[in-house]
Amino acid sequence: GAQPRPDEKPHVRIVDARKGEKKFEFYPVDAKSYKRQGSRVLAFAGDMSIAHLPKGEYRVEAQATDSSGRSTAVRSTSFAIE
């Protein structure tokens, strides 16, 4: 029979791009409700208010970990608040 797939948990954080300091962290959540049948892409939503961040350059980092301990590479993108 088919083996059940491990549960995935996405983890997102915002860091100061210059200092590397963590400014916000969206802790790992159960991704079951965000899965799409037949897709390898996991699109999830969470409340990440950036209104409290001062002007500056930031980086959003995302990673997924499964219940067997495997993790994806950290994916990131940069943004600025002016």
C-alpha atoms as a PDB file:
ATOM      1  CA  GLY A   1       0.000   0.000   0.000  1.00  0.00           C
ATOM      2  CA  ALA A   2       0.926   3.625  -0.364  1.00  0.00           C
ATOM      3  CA  GLN A   3       2.811   5.219   2.481  1.00  0.00           C
ATOM      4  CA  PRO A   4       1.145   8.309   3.977  1.00  0.00           C
ATOM      5  CA  ARG A   5       2.989  11.545   3.174  1.00  0.00           C
ATOM      6  CA  PRO A   6       4.628  13.333   6.092  1.00  0.00           C
ATOM      7  CA  ASP A   7       2.853  16.460   7.339  1.00  0.00           C
ATOM      8  CA  GLU A   8       4.369  19.709   6.073  1.00  0.00           C
ATOM      9  CA  LYS A   9       4.680  22.889   8.102  1.00  0.00           C
ATOM     10  CA  PRO A  10       5.600  26.210   6.476  1.00  0.00           C
ATOM     11  CA  HIS A  11       7.639  28.749   8.441  1.00  0.00           C
ATOM     12  CA  VAL A  12       7.998  32.409   7.402  1.00  0.00           C
ATOM     13  CA  ARG A  13       9.952  35.283   8.899  1.00  0.00           C
ATOM     14  CA  ILE A  14      10.913  38.854   8.061  1.00  0.00           C
ATOM     15  CA  VAL A  15      14.469  39.986   8.758  1.00  0.00           C
ATOM     16  CA  ASP A  16      16.269  43.304   8.495  1.00  0.00           C
ATOM     17  CA  ALA A  17      18.222  42.880   5.250  1.00  0.00           C
ATOM     18  CA  ARG A  18      21.240  44.846   6.480  1.00  0.00           C
ATOM     19  CA  LYS A  19      21.555  43.624  10.056  1.00  0.00           C
ATOM     20  CA  GLY A  20      20.065  40.131   9.710  1.00  0.00           C
ATOM     21  CA  GLU A  21      17.868  40.763  12.767  1.00  0.00           C
ATOM     22  CA  LYS A  22      14.547  38.933  12.922  1.00  0.00           C
ATOM     23  CA  LYS A  23      11.649  41.417  12.922  1.00  0.00           C
ATOM     24  CA  PHE A  24       8.651  39.100  12.583  1.00  0.00           C
ATOM     25  CA  GLU A  25       8.122  35.343  12.677  1.00  0.00           C
ATOM     26  CA  PHE A  26       5.134  33.336  11.514  1.00  0.00           C
ATOM     27  CA  TYR A  27       5.708  30.036  13.311  1.00  0.00           C
ATOM     28  CA  PRO A  28       5.220  26.707  11.545  1.00  0.00           C
ATOM     29  CA  VAL A  29       1.576  25.840  10.970  1.00  0.00           C
ATOM     30  CA  ASP A  30      -0.140  22.647   9.866  1.00  0.00           C
ATOM     31  CA  ALA A  31      -0.437  22.916   6.098  1.00  0.00           C
ATOM     32  CA  LYS A  32      -3.134  20.272   5.565  1.00  0.00           C
ATOM     33  CA  SER A  33      -5.875  22.810   4.891  1.00  0.00           C
ATOM     34  CA  TYR A  34      -3.694  24.616   2.306  1.00  0.00           C
ATOM     35  CA  LYS A  35      -2.860  21.567   0.145  1.00  0.00           C
ATOM     36  CA  ARG A  36      -4.229  21.253  -3.379  1.00  0.00           C
ATOM     37  CA  GLN A  37      -4.827  17.789  -4.780  1.00  0.00           C
ATOM     38  CA  GLY A  38      -2.126  16.865  -7.308  1.00  0.00           C
ATOM     39  CA  SER A  39      -0.035  20.010  -6.740  1.00  0.00           C
ATOM     40  CA  ARG A  40       3.473  20.190  -5.301  1.00  0.00           C
ATOM     41  CA  VAL A  41       2.968  23.885  -4.523  1.00  0.00           C
ATOM     42  CA  LEU A  42       1.786  24.850  -1.063  1.00  0.00           C
ATOM     43  CA  ALA A  43       0.105  28.267  -1.007  1.00  0.00           C
ATOM     44  CA  PHE A  44      -0.812  29.444   2.469  1.00  0.00           C
ATOM     45  CA  ALA A  45      -1.903  32.696   4.039  1.00  0.00           C
ATOM     46  CA  GLY A  46      -1.198  34.319   7.361  1.00  0.00           C
ATOM     47  CA  ASP A  47      -1.403  37.730   8.974  1.00  0.00           C
ATOM     48  CA  MET A  48       2.008  39.355   8.570  1.00  0.00           C
ATOM     49  CA  SER A  49       1.403  43.005   9.359  1.00  0.00           C
ATOM     50  CA  ILE A  50       4.321  45.155   8.273  1.00  0.00           C
ATOM     51  CA  ALA A  51       2.702  48.414   9.415  1.00  0.00           C
ATOM     52  CA  HIS A  52       4.869  48.489  12.565  1.00  0.00           C
ATOM     53  CA  LEU A  53       8.168  48.156  10.673  1.00  0.00           C
ATOM     54  CA  PRO A  54      10.252  51.311  10.292  1.00  0.00           C
ATOM     55  CA  LYS A  55      11.588  52.482   6.926  1.00  0.00           C
ATOM     56  CA  GLY A  56      14.291  50.192   5.656  1.00  0.00           C
ATOM     57  CA  GLU A  57      15.188  47.134   3.625  1.00  0.00           C
ATOM     58  CA  TYR A  58      13.827  43.724   4.584  1.00  0.00           C
ATOM     59  CA  ARG A  59      13.863  40.127   3.455  1.00  0.00           C
ATOM     60  CA  VAL A  60      11.027  37.595   3.690  1.00  0.00           C
ATOM     61  CA  GLU A  61      12.309  34.044   4.185  1.00  0.00           C
ATOM     62  CA  ALA A  62      10.154  30.941   3.795  1.00  0.00           C
ATOM     63  CA  GLN A  63      10.904  27.280   4.454  1.00  0.00           C
ATOM     64  CA  ALA A  64       8.849  24.135   4.864  1.00  0.00           C
ATOM     65  CA  THR A  65       9.663  21.223   7.150  1.00  0.00           C
ATOM     66  CA  ASP A  66       7.917  17.874   7.254  1.00  0.00           C
ATOM     67  CA  SER A  67       7.208  15.540  10.152  1.00  0.00           C
ATOM     68  CA  SER A  68      10.078  13.268   9.104  1.00  0.00           C
ATOM     69  CA  GLY A  69      12.548  16.129   9.727  1.00  0.00           C
ATOM     70  CA  ARG A  70      13.268  17.041   6.090  1.00  0.00           C
ATOM     71  CA  SER A  71      13.358  20.746   5.172  1.00  0.00           C
ATOM     72  CA  THR A  72      13.249  22.653   1.928  1.00  0.00           C
ATOM     73  CA  ALA A  73      15.866  25.226   1.077  1.00  0.00           C
ATOM     74  CA  VAL A  74      15.102  28.681   2.452  1.00  0.00           C
ATOM     75  CA  ARG A  75      13.481  30.798  -0.261  1.00  0.00           C
ATOM     76  CA  SER A  76      13.573  34.566   0.076  1.00  0.00           C
ATOM     77  CA  THR A  77      12.670  37.847  -1.529  1.00  0.00           C
ATOM     78  CA  SER A  78      13.520  41.408  -0.588  1.00  0.00           C
ATOM     79  CA  PHE A  79      11.354  44.485  -0.135  1.00  0.00           C
ATOM     80  CA  ALA A  80      11.752  48.048   1.113  1.00  0.00           C
ATOM     81  CA  ILE A  81       9.562  50.304   3.227  1.00  0.00           C
ATOM     82  CA  GLU A  82       9.999  53.938   2.257  1.00  0.00           C
END
